[in-house]
């Protein structure tokens, strides 16, 4: 069974930090690009940050560059998203998704229907 699960969301004040985790099972994790996406009320789904299969490359949407860092630990089948200097506009449901052998940039532009799998999401709320 292909499965992804997110964790690490919560409520944080503006300027604070959170670390999200995405853990996968049921597929050859090392060969898949992993992406973090977010959905907020009244907003379109946005590819926040993505990482390719090993050797990994990364992509960040402009609004999070310099604040967020994506990394992967293949031994644990986990991708992390370290979020620093959080802003109220970062408030959203964050979910991760996987796709076989694609670049980081292409992963963040992938439609939901093309994901191998995606998780149910973890809520991030940033207060002003």
C-alpha atoms as a PDB file:
ATOM      1  CA  UNK A   1       0.000   0.000   0.000  1.00  0.00           C
ATOM      2  CA  UNK A   2       1.421   3.361  -1.061  1.00  0.00           C
ATOM      3  CA  UNK A   3       1.054   5.816   1.775  1.00  0.00           C
ATOM      4  CA  UNK A   4       2.327   9.233   2.817  1.00  0.00           C
ATOM      5  CA  UNK A   5       1.843  10.822   6.195  1.00  0.00           C
ATOM      6  CA  UNK A   6       2.594  14.370   7.314  1.00  0.00           C
ATOM      7  CA  UNK A   7       3.275  15.667  10.787  1.00  0.00           C
ATOM      8  CA  UNK A   8       4.684  18.708  12.538  1.00  0.00           C
ATOM      9  CA  UNK A   9       2.054  21.352  11.912  1.00  0.00           C
ATOM     10  CA  UNK A  10       0.690  23.598  14.587  1.00  0.00           C
ATOM     11  CA  UNK A  11       0.038  27.121  15.761  1.00  0.00           C
ATOM     12  CA  UNK A  12       2.976  29.499  15.860  1.00  0.00           C
ATOM     13  CA  UNK A  13       3.453  33.240  16.163  1.00  0.00           C
ATOM     14  CA  UNK A  14       4.770  35.320  13.316  1.00  0.00           C
ATOM     15  CA  UNK A  15       8.529  34.914  13.125  1.00  0.00           C
ATOM     16  CA  UNK A  16       8.456  31.459  14.642  1.00  0.00           C
ATOM     17  CA  UNK A  17       9.512  28.109  13.222  1.00  0.00           C
ATOM     18  CA  UNK A  18       8.056  24.693  12.504  1.00  0.00           C
ATOM     19  CA  UNK A  19       9.501  21.507  11.059  1.00  0.00           C
ATOM     20  CA  UNK A  20       7.201  19.382   8.947  1.00  0.00           C
ATOM     21  CA  UNK A  21       7.863  15.720   8.234  1.00  0.00           C
ATOM     22  CA  UNK A  22       6.619  13.560   5.373  1.00  0.00           C
ATOM     23  CA  UNK A  23       7.105   9.823   5.730  1.00  0.00           C
ATOM     24  CA  UNK A  24       6.343   7.316   3.000  1.00  0.00           C
ATOM     25  CA  UNK A  25       5.842   3.588   2.782  1.00  0.00           C
ATOM     26  CA  UNK A  26       4.894   0.971   0.200  1.00  0.00           C
ATOM     27  CA  UNK A  27       7.104   2.111  -2.674  1.00  0.00           C
ATOM     28  CA  UNK A  28      10.742   2.597  -3.691  1.00  0.00           C
ATOM     29  CA  UNK A  29      11.155   5.861  -1.856  1.00  0.00           C
ATOM     30  CA  UNK A  30      14.650   6.644  -3.121  1.00  0.00           C
ATOM     31  CA  UNK A  31      13.472   6.910  -6.735  1.00  0.00           C
ATOM     32  CA  UNK A  32      10.710   9.435  -6.112  1.00  0.00           C
ATOM     33  CA  UNK A  33      10.671  13.186  -6.020  1.00  0.00           C
ATOM     34  CA  UNK A  34       8.827  14.539  -2.994  1.00  0.00           C
ATOM     35  CA  UNK A  35       7.041  17.850  -2.774  1.00  0.00           C
ATOM     36  CA  UNK A  36       5.386  20.024  -0.178  1.00  0.00           C
ATOM     37  CA  UNK A  37       2.212  21.786  -1.254  1.00  0.00           C
ATOM     38  CA  UNK A  38      -0.183  24.047   0.567  1.00  0.00           C
ATOM     39  CA  UNK A  39      -3.825  24.995   0.285  1.00  0.00           C
ATOM     40  CA  UNK A  40      -5.400  27.949   2.039  1.00  0.00           C
ATOM     41  CA  UNK A  41      -9.035  29.114   1.947  1.00  0.00           C
ATOM     42  CA  UNK A  42      -9.583  31.259  -1.111  1.00  0.00           C
ATOM     43  CA  UNK A  43      -6.170  30.392  -2.509  1.00  0.00           C
ATOM     44  CA  UNK A  44      -5.017  28.022  -5.217  1.00  0.00           C
ATOM     45  CA  UNK A  45      -2.895  25.024  -4.398  1.00  0.00           C
ATOM     46  CA  UNK A  46       0.742  26.054  -4.375  1.00  0.00           C
ATOM     47  CA  UNK A  47       3.918  24.047  -4.735  1.00  0.00           C
ATOM     48  CA  UNK A  48       5.991  25.284  -1.814  1.00  0.00           C
ATOM     49  CA  UNK A  49       9.165  23.253  -2.023  1.00  0.00           C
ATOM     50  CA  UNK A  50      10.212  20.055  -3.750  1.00  0.00           C
ATOM     51  CA  UNK A  51      13.188  17.738  -3.786  1.00  0.00           C
ATOM     52  CA  UNK A  52      14.246  15.290  -6.470  1.00  0.00           C
ATOM     53  CA  UNK A  53      15.389  11.702  -6.122  1.00  0.00           C
ATOM     54  CA  UNK A  54      19.031  11.159  -5.197  1.00  0.00           C
ATOM     55  CA  UNK A  55      21.328  12.864  -5.960  1.00  0.00           C
ATOM     56  CA  UNK A  56      18.847  15.460  -4.857  1.00  0.00           C
ATOM     57  CA  UNK A  57      18.181  18.954  -6.113  1.00  0.00           C
ATOM     58  CA  UNK A  58      15.697  21.380  -4.620  1.00  0.00           C
ATOM     59  CA  UNK A  59      13.139  23.969  -5.615  1.00  0.00           C
ATOM     60  CA  UNK A  60      11.440  26.722  -3.624  1.00  0.00           C
ATOM     61  CA  UNK A  61       8.651  29.038  -4.580  1.00  0.00           C
ATOM     62  CA  UNK A  62       9.749  32.664  -4.427  1.00  0.00           C
ATOM     63  CA  UNK A  63       7.723  33.536  -1.348  1.00  0.00           C
ATOM     64  CA  UNK A  64       9.594  31.048   0.858  1.00  0.00           C
ATOM     65  CA  UNK A  65      13.139  31.334  -0.464  1.00  0.00           C
ATOM     66  CA  UNK A  66      15.582  32.032   2.313  1.00  0.00           C
ATOM     67  CA  UNK A  67      13.067  30.984   4.965  1.00  0.00           C
ATOM     68  CA  UNK A  68      12.242  27.331   4.218  1.00  0.00           C
ATOM     69  CA  UNK A  69      14.628  24.418   3.725  1.00  0.00           C
ATOM     70  CA  UNK A  70      13.715  21.023   2.311  1.00  0.00           C
ATOM     71  CA  UNK A  71      15.792  17.906   2.909  1.00  0.00           C
ATOM     72  CA  UNK A  72      15.398  14.150   2.682  1.00  0.00           C
ATOM     73  CA  UNK A  73      16.564  11.211   4.734  1.00  0.00           C
ATOM     74  CA  UNK A  74      16.152   8.189   2.509  1.00  0.00           C
ATOM     75  CA  UNK A  75      17.134   5.769   5.252  1.00  0.00           C
ATOM     76  CA  UNK A  76      14.009   6.874   7.100  1.00  0.00           C
ATOM     77  CA  UNK A  77      11.891   7.411   3.969  1.00  0.00           C
ATOM     78  CA  UNK A  78      11.287  10.930   5.210  1.00  0.00           C
ATOM     79  CA  UNK A  79      11.378  14.437   3.762  1.00  0.00           C
ATOM     80  CA  UNK A  80      11.523  17.439   6.044  1.00  0.00           C
ATOM     81  CA  UNK A  81      10.465  21.018   5.547  1.00  0.00           C
ATOM     82  CA  UNK A  82      12.114  23.386   7.990  1.00  0.00           C
ATOM     83  CA  UNK A  83      10.093  26.589   8.083  1.00  0.00           C
ATOM     84  CA  UNK A  84      11.655  29.648   9.687  1.00  0.00           C
ATOM     85  CA  UNK A  85      10.546  33.266   9.940  1.00  0.00           C
ATOM     86  CA  UNK A  86       6.954  32.227   9.441  1.00  0.00           C
ATOM     87  CA  UNK A  87       4.425  34.799   8.294  1.00  0.00           C
ATOM     88  CA  UNK A  88       0.629  34.870   8.575  1.00  0.00           C
ATOM     89  CA  UNK A  89       0.410  34.351   4.825  1.00  0.00           C
ATOM     90  CA  UNK A  90       2.070  30.953   5.316  1.00  0.00           C
ATOM     91  CA  UNK A  91      -1.092  29.751   7.051  1.00  0.00           C
ATOM     92  CA  UNK A  92      -2.453  26.775   5.115  1.00  0.00           C
ATOM     93  CA  UNK A  93      -2.969  23.040   5.058  1.00  0.00           C
ATOM     94  CA  UNK A  94       0.360  21.550   4.039  1.00  0.00           C
ATOM     95  CA  UNK A  95       0.542  18.167   2.379  1.00  0.00           C
ATOM     96  CA  UNK A  96       3.255  16.157   0.703  1.00  0.00           C
ATOM     97  CA  UNK A  97       3.185  14.178  -2.515  1.00  0.00           C
ATOM     98  CA  UNK A  98       5.413  11.792  -4.454  1.00  0.00           C
ATOM     99  CA  UNK A  99       6.179  11.244  -8.131  1.00  0.00           C
ATOM    100  CA  UNK A 100       8.587   8.838  -9.795  1.00  0.00           C
ATOM    101  CA  UNK A 101      11.909  10.244 -11.029  1.00  0.00           C
ATOM    102  CA  UNK A 102      11.254  13.875 -11.769  1.00  0.00           C
ATOM    103  CA  UNK A 103      13.100  17.134 -11.176  1.00  0.00           C
ATOM    104  CA  UNK A 104      12.376  19.303  -8.176  1.00  0.00           C
ATOM    105  CA  UNK A 105      10.944  22.123 -10.280  1.00  0.00           C
ATOM    106  CA  UNK A 106       8.743  19.792 -12.303  1.00  0.00           C
ATOM    107  CA  UNK A 107       7.512  18.147  -9.115  1.00  0.00           C
ATOM    108  CA  UNK A 108       6.272  21.450  -7.729  1.00  0.00           C
ATOM    109  CA  UNK A 109       4.362  22.060 -10.965  1.00  0.00           C
ATOM    110  CA  UNK A 110       2.754  18.611 -10.999  1.00  0.00           C
ATOM    111  CA  UNK A 111      -1.015  18.345 -10.941  1.00  0.00           C
ATOM    112  CA  UNK A 112      -2.602  16.375  -8.128  1.00  0.00           C
ATOM    113  CA  UNK A 113      -3.816  13.669 -10.502  1.00  0.00           C
ATOM    114  CA  UNK A 114      -0.236  12.886 -11.512  1.00  0.00           C
ATOM    115  CA  UNK A 115       0.987  12.240  -7.987  1.00  0.00           C
ATOM    116  CA  UNK A 116       1.760   8.650  -7.101  1.00  0.00           C
ATOM    117  CA  UNK A 117       0.402   9.412  -3.662  1.00  0.00           C
ATOM    118  CA  UNK A 118      -0.287  12.269  -1.303  1.00  0.00           C
ATOM    119  CA  UNK A 119      -0.979  12.646   2.362  1.00  0.00           C
ATOM    120  CA  UNK A 120      -3.938  14.101   4.189  1.00  0.00           C
ATOM    121  CA  UNK A 121      -2.065  17.189   5.292  1.00  0.00           C
ATOM    122  CA  UNK A 122      -1.013  18.974   8.432  1.00  0.00           C
ATOM    123  CA  UNK A 123      -2.345  22.388   9.397  1.00  0.00           C
ATOM    124  CA  UNK A 124       0.031  25.308   9.842  1.00  0.00           C
ATOM    125  CA  UNK A 125      -1.403  28.438  11.407  1.00  0.00           C
ATOM    126  CA  UNK A 126       0.702  31.558  11.891  1.00  0.00           C
ATOM    127  CA  UNK A 127      -0.711  34.311  14.060  1.00  0.00           C
ATOM    128  CA  UNK A 128       0.158  37.950  13.567  1.00  0.00           C
END
